[in-house]
N, C-alpha and C. Protein backbone atom coordinates (compact mmCIF):
# COMPACT_ATOMS: atom_id res chain seq x y z
N PHE A 1 110.27 89.33 94.98
CA PHE A 1 110.63 88.44 93.98
C PHE A 1 111.54 87.52 93.67
N GLY A 2 112.22 87.47 94.54
CA GLY A 2 114.07 86.52 94.26
C GLY A 2 113.64 85.37 93.49
N ARG A 3 114.99 85.23 93.27
CA ARG A 3 115.03 84.05 92.52
C ARG A 3 114.32 82.69 93.23
N ARG A 4 114.40 82.28 93.95
CA ARG A 4 113.88 81.22 94.71
C ARG A 4 112.47 81.32 94.83
N ARG A 5 111.44 82.80 94.12
CA ARG A 5 110.26 82.39 94.26
C ARG A 5 109.47 81.60 92.62
N ILE A 6 110.78 82.32 92.03
CA ILE A 6 110.50 81.57 90.92
C ILE A 6 111.03 80.02 90.54
N PHE A 7 112.15 80.06 91.21
CA PHE A 7 112.60 78.48 90.27
C PHE A 7 112.71 78.13 91.50
N GLY A 8 112.68 78.45 92.91
CA GLY A 8 113.06 77.38 93.77
C GLY A 8 113.51 77.79 94.83
N ASP A 9 113.94 76.50 95.40
CA ASP A 9 114.64 76.82 96.66
C ASP A 9 116.69 76.81 96.31
N ASP A 10 116.43 75.94 95.15
CA ASP A 10 118.07 75.94 94.81
C ASP A 10 117.86 76.31 93.85
N GLU A 11 119.66 76.52 93.12
CA GLU A 11 119.59 77.32 91.78
C GLU A 11 119.57 76.47 90.27
N ASP A 12 119.77 74.53 91.07
CA ASP A 12 119.33 74.01 89.50
C ASP A 12 118.48 73.48 89.68
N GLY A 13 117.37 74.34 90.25
CA GLY A 13 115.93 73.37 90.02
C GLY A 13 115.22 73.13 89.24
N CYS A 14 116.04 74.08 88.17
CA CYS A 14 115.67 74.44 86.39
C CYS A 14 116.23 73.79 85.65
N GLU A 15 117.42 72.91 86.02
CA GLU A 15 118.51 71.93 85.04
C GLU A 15 116.89 70.44 85.77
N ARG A 16 116.24 70.59 86.96
CA ARG A 16 116.11 69.33 87.00
C ARG A 16 114.36 69.64 86.59
N GLY A 17 114.13 70.28 85.54
CA GLY A 17 112.58 70.19 85.94
C GLY A 17 111.97 70.55 85.92
N LYS A 18 112.34 71.57 86.87
CA LYS A 18 111.52 71.91 87.77
C LYS A 18 110.94 73.99 88.00
N CYS A 19 111.04 74.48 86.34
CA CYS A 19 111.09 75.85 85.75
C CYS A 19 109.58 75.77 86.03
N LYS A 20 108.88 77.15 86.71
CA LYS A 20 107.74 77.49 86.67
C LYS A 20 107.63 79.18 85.77
N THR A 21 108.69 79.49 85.28
CA THR A 21 108.67 80.80 84.24
C THR A 21 109.55 80.69 83.44
N LEU A 22 109.29 82.01 82.29
CA LEU A 22 110.13 81.91 80.73
C LEU A 22 110.87 82.62 81.11
N GLU A 23 111.01 83.53 82.91
CA GLU A 23 112.12 84.32 82.80
C GLU A 23 113.02 83.76 83.16
N ARG A 24 113.84 81.87 83.30
CA ARG A 24 114.93 81.22 83.28
C ARG A 24 115.32 81.87 81.35
N THR A 25 115.37 82.37 80.57
CA THR A 25 115.91 81.96 79.18
C THR A 25 116.88 83.50 79.24
N VAL A 26 116.98 84.23 80.37
CA VAL A 26 117.69 85.40 80.37
C VAL A 26 118.68 84.57 81.55
N HIS A 27 118.97 83.68 81.73
CA HIS A 27 119.40 83.58 82.54
C HIS A 27 120.22 81.90 82.43
N GLY A 28 120.15 81.34 81.22
CA GLY A 28 119.47 79.52 80.98
C GLY A 28 118.67 79.05 79.50
N ARG A 29 119.06 79.49 78.47
CA ARG A 29 117.95 79.83 77.31
C ARG A 29 116.97 77.66 77.34
N SER A 30 118.74 76.98 77.23
CA SER A 30 118.89 75.71 77.44
C SER A 30 118.00 74.92 78.37
N CYS A 31 117.71 75.50 79.12
CA CYS A 31 116.02 74.69 80.13
C CYS A 31 114.80 74.97 79.98
N ILE A 32 113.89 76.06 78.85
CA ILE A 32 113.42 76.19 78.83
C ILE A 32 113.34 75.62 77.33
N LEU A 33 114.48 75.51 76.34
CA LEU A 33 114.26 74.72 75.06
C LEU A 33 113.79 73.55 75.31
N ARG A 34 114.69 72.88 76.66
CA ARG A 34 114.65 71.51 76.37
C ARG A 34 113.38 71.32 76.88
N GLY A 35 112.13 71.87 77.32
CA GLY A 35 111.38 71.69 78.05
C GLY A 35 110.52 71.68 76.31
N ILE A 36 110.06 72.42 75.56
CA ILE A 36 109.82 72.37 74.65
C ILE A 36 110.69 71.77 73.50
N PRO A 37 110.89 71.01 72.77
CA PRO A 37 112.00 70.73 72.13
C PRO A 37 111.12 70.83 70.54
N ARG A 38 109.55 71.40 70.16
CA ARG A 38 108.91 71.32 68.97
C ARG A 38 109.14 73.11 69.27
N LEU A 39 109.81 73.51 69.87
CA LEU A 39 109.96 74.83 70.26
C LEU A 39 110.95 75.89 69.15
N TYR A 40 112.46 74.48 70.08
CA TYR A 40 113.32 74.73 69.48
C TYR A 40 114.04 74.01 68.06
N ARG A 41 113.16 73.44 67.53
CA ARG A 41 113.24 73.28 66.16
C ARG A 41 112.81 74.12 65.12
N LEU A 42 111.06 74.80 65.66
CA LEU A 42 110.97 76.20 65.26
C LEU A 42 111.86 76.81 65.07
N MET A 43 112.67 77.69 65.90
CA MET A 43 113.39 78.27 66.03
C MET A 43 114.73 77.88 65.49
N THR A 44 115.37 77.39 65.76
CA THR A 44 116.43 76.44 65.17
C THR A 44 116.71 77.01 63.54
N PRO A 45 116.91 77.59 62.92
CA PRO A 45 117.59 77.81 61.30
C PRO A 45 117.57 76.44 61.00
N GLN A 46 117.08 75.82 60.16
CA GLN A 46 116.81 74.61 58.84
C GLN A 46 117.53 75.01 57.53
N PRO A 47 117.88 74.33 57.02
CA PRO A 47 118.23 74.77 55.82
C PRO A 47 116.86 74.07 54.60
N LEU A 48 116.47 74.87 53.73
CA LEU A 48 115.73 74.16 53.09
C LEU A 48 116.04 73.15 51.65
N ALA A 49 116.66 74.11 50.96
CA ALA A 49 117.56 73.60 50.01
C ALA A 49 118.37 72.17 50.30
N THR A 50 117.61 70.91 50.56
CA THR A 50 117.57 69.71 50.86
C THR A 50 117.96 68.52 49.68
N LYS A 51 118.67 67.84 50.45
CA LYS A 51 118.03 66.66 48.43
C LYS A 51 117.33 66.21 48.05
N PRO A 52 115.85 66.25 49.15
CA PRO A 52 114.82 65.90 48.30
C PRO A 52 113.62 66.50 48.34
N PHE A 53 114.61 68.08 48.36
CA PHE A 53 113.31 68.98 48.57
C PHE A 53 114.11 69.83 47.03
N VAL A 54 115.66 69.26 46.43
CA VAL A 54 115.65 70.17 45.37
C VAL A 54 115.35 69.30 44.03
N LEU A 55 115.64 67.55 44.49
CA LEU A 55 115.07 66.12 43.88
C LEU A 55 113.64 66.47 43.53
N LEU A 56 112.49 67.03 44.53
CA LEU A 56 111.44 67.42 44.33
C LEU A 56 111.08 68.51 43.35
N CYS A 57 111.47 69.31 43.58
CA CYS A 57 111.31 70.79 42.44
C CYS A 57 111.80 70.25 41.39
N LEU A 58 113.22 69.62 40.77
CA LEU A 58 113.79 69.42 39.81
C LEU A 58 112.43 68.62 39.29
N ALA A 59 111.49 68.11 39.52
CA ALA A 59 111.32 66.64 38.89
C ALA A 59 109.66 67.29 39.16
N VAL A 60 109.27 68.33 39.44
CA VAL A 60 107.80 69.03 39.15
C VAL A 60 108.38 69.92 37.80
N PHE A 61 109.32 70.63 37.86
CA PHE A 61 109.71 71.24 36.66
C PHE A 61 110.27 70.57 35.90
N LEU A 62 110.14 69.59 35.86
CA LEU A 62 110.74 68.85 34.56
C LEU A 62 108.57 68.08 33.81
N GLY A 63 107.26 67.95 34.97
CA GLY A 63 106.33 67.96 34.31
C GLY A 63 105.58 68.78 34.42
N TYR A 64 106.27 69.98 34.71
CA TYR A 64 105.03 71.80 34.26
C TYR A 64 105.46 71.28 33.15
N ALA A 65 106.88 70.98 32.71
CA ALA A 65 107.41 71.63 31.58
C ALA A 65 107.19 70.46 29.79
N ASN A 66 106.86 69.65 30.55
CA ASN A 66 106.64 68.77 29.96
C ASN A 66 104.73 69.00 29.60
N GLN A 67 104.22 69.33 30.40
CA GLN A 67 102.58 69.53 29.87
C GLN A 67 102.75 71.50 29.60
N TRP A 68 103.24 72.07 29.51
CA TRP A 68 103.26 73.42 29.10
C TRP A 68 104.40 73.86 27.35
N VAL A 69 105.19 72.29 27.05
CA VAL A 69 105.55 72.12 26.22
C VAL A 69 104.16 71.89 24.84
N LEU A 70 103.82 70.58 25.34
CA LEU A 70 102.49 70.07 24.74
C LEU A 70 101.66 71.19 24.69
N THR A 71 100.53 71.39 24.94
CA THR A 71 99.81 72.22 25.47
C THR A 71 99.91 73.17 24.12
N PRO A 72 100.37 73.98 24.29
CA PRO A 72 100.15 74.71 22.68
C PRO A 72 100.48 74.04 21.40
N ILE A 73 101.13 72.72 21.18
CA ILE A 73 100.97 71.87 20.48
C ILE A 73 100.16 71.32 19.77
N ILE A 74 99.55 70.58 20.77
CA ILE A 74 98.62 69.98 20.37
C ILE A 74 97.76 70.58 19.44
N PRO A 75 96.62 71.81 19.41
CA PRO A 75 95.67 72.30 18.32
C PRO A 75 96.56 72.57 17.34
N LEU A 76 97.43 72.68 17.27
CA LEU A 76 98.26 72.69 15.88
C LEU A 76 98.66 71.11 15.05
N TYR A 77 98.86 70.00 16.08
CA TYR A 77 98.75 68.68 15.42
C TYR A 77 97.55 67.88 14.86
N VAL A 78 96.65 68.75 15.91
CA VAL A 78 95.21 68.48 16.16
C VAL A 78 95.22 68.56 14.13
N GLN A 79 95.30 70.18 13.90
CA GLN A 79 94.94 70.70 12.86
C GLN A 79 95.84 70.15 11.29
N ASP A 80 96.99 70.05 11.97
CA ASP A 80 97.90 68.70 10.58
C ASP A 80 97.32 67.65 10.79
N LEU A 81 96.80 67.03 11.30
CA LEU A 81 95.92 65.60 10.91
C LEU A 81 94.81 65.89 10.75
N GLY A 82 94.28 67.40 9.88
CA GLY A 82 93.12 67.12 9.76
C GLY A 82 91.88 67.96 10.52
N GLY A 83 91.80 67.71 11.62
CA GLY A 83 91.35 68.28 12.47
C GLY A 83 90.66 69.44 12.10
N SER A 84 89.93 69.99 13.10
CA SER A 84 89.22 71.46 13.56
C SER A 84 89.71 72.04 14.70
N ALA A 85 89.60 73.20 14.95
CA ALA A 85 89.57 73.96 16.44
C ALA A 85 88.23 73.28 17.21
N PHE A 86 87.14 72.94 16.94
CA PHE A 86 86.15 72.01 18.02
C PHE A 86 86.67 70.99 18.63
N VAL A 87 87.65 70.10 17.22
CA VAL A 87 88.30 68.52 17.69
C VAL A 87 89.17 69.35 18.91
N ALA A 88 90.44 70.10 18.01
CA ALA A 88 91.62 70.29 18.75
C ALA A 88 90.98 70.64 20.52
N GLY A 89 89.93 71.26 20.70
CA GLY A 89 89.05 71.92 21.89
C GLY A 89 88.72 70.23 22.89
N LEU A 90 88.68 69.65 22.07
CA LEU A 90 87.67 67.98 22.90
C LEU A 90 89.38 67.04 22.84
N VAL A 91 90.52 67.76 22.63
CA VAL A 91 91.11 66.75 22.96
C VAL A 91 91.71 66.75 23.92
N LEU A 92 91.81 68.33 24.22
CA LEU A 92 92.43 69.31 25.34
C LEU A 92 91.64 68.66 26.57
N LEU A 93 89.93 68.48 26.09
CA LEU A 93 89.37 67.76 27.43
C LEU A 93 89.50 67.14 27.78
N ALA A 94 90.41 65.67 26.57
CA ALA A 94 90.88 64.84 27.05
C ALA A 94 91.80 64.58 28.45
N PHE A 95 92.54 65.59 28.18
CA PHE A 95 93.43 65.95 29.56
C PHE A 95 92.78 66.07 30.62
N SER A 96 92.40 67.38 30.85
CA SER A 96 91.45 68.27 31.63
C SER A 96 89.90 66.92 32.43
N VAL A 97 89.74 65.93 31.99
CA VAL A 97 88.69 65.24 32.13
C VAL A 97 89.88 64.19 33.48
N PRO A 98 89.73 63.58 32.90
CA PRO A 98 91.04 62.60 33.64
C PRO A 98 91.87 63.59 35.14
N SER A 99 92.13 64.31 34.41
CA SER A 99 92.41 64.92 35.74
C SER A 99 92.76 66.06 37.08
N VAL A 100 90.87 66.16 37.09
CA VAL A 100 90.18 66.46 37.92
C VAL A 100 89.61 65.76 38.43
N THR A 101 88.74 64.71 37.48
CA THR A 101 88.00 63.67 38.28
C THR A 101 88.57 62.42 39.18
N ILE A 102 89.88 62.49 38.81
CA ILE A 102 90.07 61.28 39.41
C ILE A 102 91.91 61.15 40.66
N ARG A 103 91.36 62.52 41.03
CA ARG A 103 92.45 64.00 41.75
C ARG A 103 92.10 62.71 43.48
N PRO A 104 91.04 62.25 43.44
CA PRO A 104 90.31 61.89 45.06
C PRO A 104 90.99 60.37 44.89
N PHE A 105 90.66 59.75 44.52
CA PHE A 105 91.51 58.33 44.36
C PHE A 105 92.80 58.55 43.87
N VAL A 106 93.63 59.09 43.21
CA VAL A 106 94.80 59.53 43.19
C VAL A 106 95.43 60.12 45.01
N GLY A 107 94.99 60.92 45.49
CA GLY A 107 94.85 61.42 47.30
C GLY A 107 94.95 59.78 48.16
N ARG A 108 94.05 59.25 47.82
CA ARG A 108 93.68 58.24 48.57
C ARG A 108 94.94 57.06 48.09
N LEU A 109 95.33 56.97 47.33
CA LEU A 109 97.00 56.42 46.87
C LEU A 109 97.87 57.05 47.67
N ALA A 110 97.76 58.58 47.47
CA ALA A 110 99.17 58.59 48.32
C ALA A 110 99.29 58.64 49.72
N ASP A 111 97.97 58.42 50.66
CA ASP A 111 98.48 58.29 51.89
C ASP A 111 97.92 57.30 52.34
N ARG A 112 97.88 55.67 51.77
CA ARG A 112 98.01 54.71 51.47
C ARG A 112 99.55 53.81 50.93
N TRP A 113 99.77 54.74 50.13
CA TRP A 113 101.23 53.85 49.65
C TRP A 113 102.27 54.98 50.09
N SER A 114 102.40 55.97 48.81
CA SER A 114 103.64 56.56 48.88
C SER A 114 103.26 57.70 48.16
N ALA A 115 103.66 59.40 48.98
CA ALA A 115 103.31 60.31 47.67
C ALA A 115 104.38 60.86 46.67
N ALA A 116 105.65 59.81 47.14
CA ALA A 116 107.01 60.53 46.09
C ALA A 116 106.60 59.32 45.07
N GLY A 117 105.78 57.86 45.56
CA GLY A 117 105.61 56.53 44.38
C GLY A 117 104.63 57.33 43.46
N VAL A 118 103.57 58.24 44.23
CA VAL A 118 102.06 58.61 42.99
C VAL A 118 103.30 59.82 41.93
N LEU A 119 103.92 60.51 42.94
CA LEU A 119 104.44 61.92 41.95
C LEU A 119 105.32 60.94 40.82
N ALA A 120 106.00 59.88 41.29
CA ALA A 120 107.55 58.90 40.24
C ALA A 120 106.00 58.65 39.68
N LEU A 121 104.94 57.65 40.12
CA LEU A 121 104.29 57.14 39.30
C LEU A 121 103.54 57.94 38.04
N GLY A 122 103.27 59.49 38.45
CA GLY A 122 102.57 60.38 37.54
C GLY A 122 103.50 60.64 36.43
N LEU A 123 104.65 61.08 36.77
CA LEU A 123 105.57 61.53 35.85
C LEU A 123 105.69 60.63 34.15
N LEU A 124 105.90 59.15 34.94
CA LEU A 124 106.04 58.32 34.20
C LEU A 124 105.03 58.06 33.30
N VAL A 125 103.75 58.40 33.50
CA VAL A 125 102.26 58.28 33.09
C VAL A 125 102.55 59.40 31.96
N ILE A 126 102.90 60.73 32.63
CA ILE A 126 102.94 61.40 31.67
C ILE A 126 104.09 61.30 30.08
N GLY A 127 105.36 60.92 30.55
CA GLY A 127 105.86 60.59 29.58
C GLY A 127 105.57 59.60 28.43
N ALA A 128 104.50 58.25 29.14
CA ALA A 128 103.98 57.69 28.07
C ALA A 128 103.05 58.10 27.29
N GLY A 129 102.24 58.77 28.13
CA GLY A 129 101.34 59.80 26.98
C GLY A 129 101.62 60.23 26.45
N SER A 130 102.64 60.89 26.45
CA SER A 130 103.91 62.41 25.45
C SER A 130 103.99 61.17 24.54
N LEU A 131 104.35 60.23 24.52
CA LEU A 131 105.23 59.15 23.69
C LEU A 131 104.09 58.55 23.23
N LEU A 132 103.08 58.77 22.99
CA LEU A 132 101.87 58.13 22.66
C LEU A 132 101.20 59.59 21.69
N PHE A 133 102.22 60.57 21.57
CA PHE A 133 101.51 62.14 20.01
C PHE A 133 101.76 60.80 19.30
N LEU A 134 103.56 59.49 19.37
CA LEU A 134 104.31 59.90 18.29
C LEU A 134 103.62 59.22 17.08
N ILE A 135 102.81 58.53 17.60
CA ILE A 135 102.10 57.94 16.75
C ILE A 135 100.97 58.58 15.57
N PRO A 136 100.71 58.30 14.63
CA PRO A 136 99.78 59.43 14.33
C PRO A 136 98.71 59.46 13.40
N PHE A 137 97.79 59.02 15.05
CA PHE A 137 96.68 58.41 14.11
C PHE A 137 95.21 59.26 14.64
N PHE A 138 94.52 60.09 14.77
CA PHE A 138 93.90 60.89 15.23
C PHE A 138 93.10 61.13 16.39
N ALA A 139 92.71 58.88 16.62
CA ALA A 139 92.21 58.13 17.70
C ALA A 139 93.24 58.83 18.72
N MET A 140 94.18 58.11 18.60
CA MET A 140 95.88 58.24 19.45
C MET A 140 95.73 59.44 19.83
N LEU A 141 95.22 60.73 19.53
CA LEU A 141 95.42 61.69 20.54
C LEU A 141 95.10 61.69 21.79
N PHE A 142 93.00 61.35 21.40
CA PHE A 142 92.31 61.53 22.85
C PHE A 142 93.29 60.47 24.07
N VAL A 143 93.47 59.83 23.42
CA VAL A 143 93.95 58.62 24.65
C VAL A 143 95.29 59.12 24.43
N ALA A 144 96.19 59.73 24.50
CA ALA A 144 97.19 60.23 24.64
C ALA A 144 97.56 60.42 25.21
N ASN A 145 96.22 62.36 25.22
CA ASN A 145 95.93 63.47 26.32
C ASN A 145 95.33 62.69 27.56
N PHE A 146 94.51 61.59 27.08
CA PHE A 146 93.49 61.00 28.61
C PHE A 146 94.37 60.36 29.20
N VAL A 147 95.72 59.98 28.84
CA VAL A 147 97.13 58.88 30.09
C VAL A 147 97.12 60.16 30.34
N ARG A 148 97.62 61.12 29.47
CA ARG A 148 99.03 62.51 30.25
C ARG A 148 97.45 63.11 31.78
N GLY A 149 96.78 63.50 31.16
CA GLY A 149 95.79 63.34 32.25
C GLY A 149 95.82 62.64 33.60
N VAL A 150 96.00 61.58 33.20
CA VAL A 150 95.92 60.32 35.01
C VAL A 150 97.44 60.42 35.16
N GLY A 151 98.07 61.23 34.91
CA GLY A 151 99.17 61.60 35.52
C GLY A 151 99.81 62.53 35.27
N TRP A 152 98.73 63.33 35.07
CA TRP A 152 99.37 65.03 35.29
C TRP A 152 98.52 65.26 36.77
N ALA A 153 97.58 64.20 36.73
CA ALA A 153 96.89 64.46 38.51
C ALA A 153 98.08 63.68 39.29
N GLY A 154 98.18 62.58 39.28
CA GLY A 154 99.71 62.28 40.24
C GLY A 154 100.40 63.01 40.66
N VAL A 155 101.24 64.01 39.21
CA VAL A 155 101.90 64.74 39.96
C VAL A 155 101.44 66.01 40.55
N ASN A 156 100.80 65.87 40.70
CA ASN A 156 99.90 67.42 41.06
C ASN A 156 99.80 67.02 43.13
N ILE A 157 98.84 65.87 43.00
CA ILE A 157 98.75 65.28 44.64
C ILE A 157 100.28 64.55 44.81
N GLY A 158 101.43 63.82 43.92
CA GLY A 158 102.16 63.74 44.63
C GLY A 158 102.89 64.57 44.83
N GLY A 159 102.86 65.91 43.95
CA GLY A 159 103.94 67.01 44.46
C GLY A 159 103.68 67.35 45.44
N TYR A 160 103.15 68.07 46.00
CA TYR A 160 102.37 68.73 47.08
C TYR A 160 102.49 67.82 48.52
N THR A 161 101.98 67.08 48.33
CA THR A 161 101.89 66.13 49.39
C THR A 161 103.43 65.42 49.64
N THR A 162 104.24 65.32 48.80
CA THR A 162 106.05 65.06 49.12
C THR A 162 106.13 66.70 49.74
N LEU A 163 105.50 67.23 49.25
CA LEU A 163 106.32 68.39 49.83
C LEU A 163 106.05 69.28 50.91
N ALA A 164 104.60 68.85 51.64
CA ALA A 164 104.57 68.28 53.04
C ALA A 164 105.42 67.82 53.63
N GLY A 165 105.89 66.58 53.46
CA GLY A 165 106.93 65.94 54.77
C GLY A 165 108.00 66.07 54.12
N VAL A 166 108.36 66.64 52.58
CA VAL A 166 110.39 66.65 52.65
C VAL A 166 110.40 68.12 53.26
N ALA A 167 109.55 69.24 53.72
CA ALA A 167 109.63 70.52 54.13
C ALA A 167 109.99 70.99 54.81
N PRO A 168 111.33 71.10 55.40
CA PRO A 168 111.34 72.08 57.26
C PRO A 168 110.39 71.80 57.95
N GLU A 169 109.78 71.53 58.71
CA GLU A 169 108.08 71.73 59.60
C GLU A 169 108.25 73.18 59.73
N GLY A 170 109.32 73.70 60.02
CA GLY A 170 108.95 75.53 60.84
C GLY A 170 109.04 76.72 59.23
N ARG A 171 109.70 75.93 57.73
CA ARG A 171 109.78 76.76 56.53
C ARG A 171 108.59 76.21 55.75
N ARG A 172 107.96 75.82 55.60
CA ARG A 172 106.80 74.78 55.06
C ARG A 172 106.76 75.98 54.34
N GLY A 173 106.06 77.34 54.47
CA GLY A 173 105.65 78.43 53.94
C GLY A 173 106.74 78.88 52.82
N GLY A 174 107.50 79.29 53.38
CA GLY A 174 109.05 79.11 52.19
C GLY A 174 108.87 78.70 50.97
N ALA A 175 109.41 77.04 51.64
CA ALA A 175 109.41 75.61 50.76
C ALA A 175 108.13 75.73 50.12
N SER A 176 107.09 75.92 50.17
CA SER A 176 105.88 76.06 48.96
C SER A 176 105.52 77.76 47.96
N ARG A 177 106.24 78.10 48.50
CA ARG A 177 106.72 79.35 47.89
C ARG A 177 107.92 79.05 46.66
N TYR A 178 109.01 78.59 47.32
CA TYR A 178 109.83 77.92 46.08
C TYR A 178 109.40 76.84 44.83
N TYR A 179 108.29 75.39 45.80
CA TYR A 179 107.87 74.93 45.24
C TYR A 179 106.65 75.43 44.05
N THR A 180 106.23 76.34 44.36
CA THR A 180 104.54 77.60 43.34
C THR A 180 105.95 77.84 42.03
N ARG A 181 107.06 78.36 42.36
CA ARG A 181 107.81 79.59 41.83
C ARG A 181 108.24 78.07 39.96
N VAL A 182 109.06 77.35 41.32
CA VAL A 182 109.41 75.76 40.51
C VAL A 182 108.37 75.79 38.94
N SER A 183 106.91 75.42 39.98
CA SER A 183 106.24 74.39 38.76
C SER A 183 105.85 75.76 38.31
N SER A 184 106.50 77.36 37.96
CA SER A 184 104.93 78.58 36.98
C SER A 184 106.57 78.74 36.41
N ARG A 185 107.63 78.41 36.39
CA ARG A 185 108.91 78.96 36.18
C ARG A 185 109.14 77.86 34.67
N TYR A 186 108.45 77.20 33.90
CA TYR A 186 108.11 76.42 32.93
C TYR A 186 109.07 77.38 31.90
N SER A 187 108.44 78.46 31.68
CA SER A 187 108.04 79.15 30.31
C SER A 187 109.96 79.42 30.09
N VAL A 188 110.71 79.75 31.56
CA VAL A 188 111.96 80.09 31.47
C VAL A 188 113.14 79.49 30.85
N GLY A 189 112.63 78.01 30.94
CA GLY A 189 113.72 77.00 29.94
C GLY A 189 112.84 76.60 29.17
N PHE A 190 111.70 76.77 29.09
CA PHE A 190 111.01 76.35 27.43
C PHE A 190 110.06 76.07 26.93
N PRO A 191 109.97 77.82 26.42
CA PRO A 191 109.30 79.04 25.77
C PRO A 191 108.17 77.82 24.70
N PRO A 192 107.12 78.10 25.28
CA PRO A 192 106.04 78.07 23.77
C PRO A 192 106.53 78.90 22.38
């Protein structure tokens, strides 16, 4: 089992791409990693806190904060305008129905257009829907929550799709963990 049997007749056989075994990693690591660039990228530590990832987490945090600040206030607002608990439930349903039913179409839009664009558009639509609550008409509550539901679908589809593209290939699990923590930490900065 001499060196010639593993690497060929010459000492430089590995550098010319003739490596036949992974045993060369003891003698020269770069030979194996040059032949397997994806493995090298996965083995090399990549920073997770890049500017796109931090901006994505900030945007998602603000979107979730908007959602969870308004959700407990909406029933109180409905009652203040003279509605019952049943009507408050219907207003909240006006948010949930478009949020769930429109997601396949928003996903297709994210695939064909831009996931980050869908996220940004979703955040703008949520903001516009939130501003509609300032109009003190009873029917406007349904419209505002419907609009917010459409934006919520964009935030969730665009956010998770953008996460898959922004996170380093070898750190997608960790990035997903931090992303989920950010989206659930709304109560720290915005308690109900």
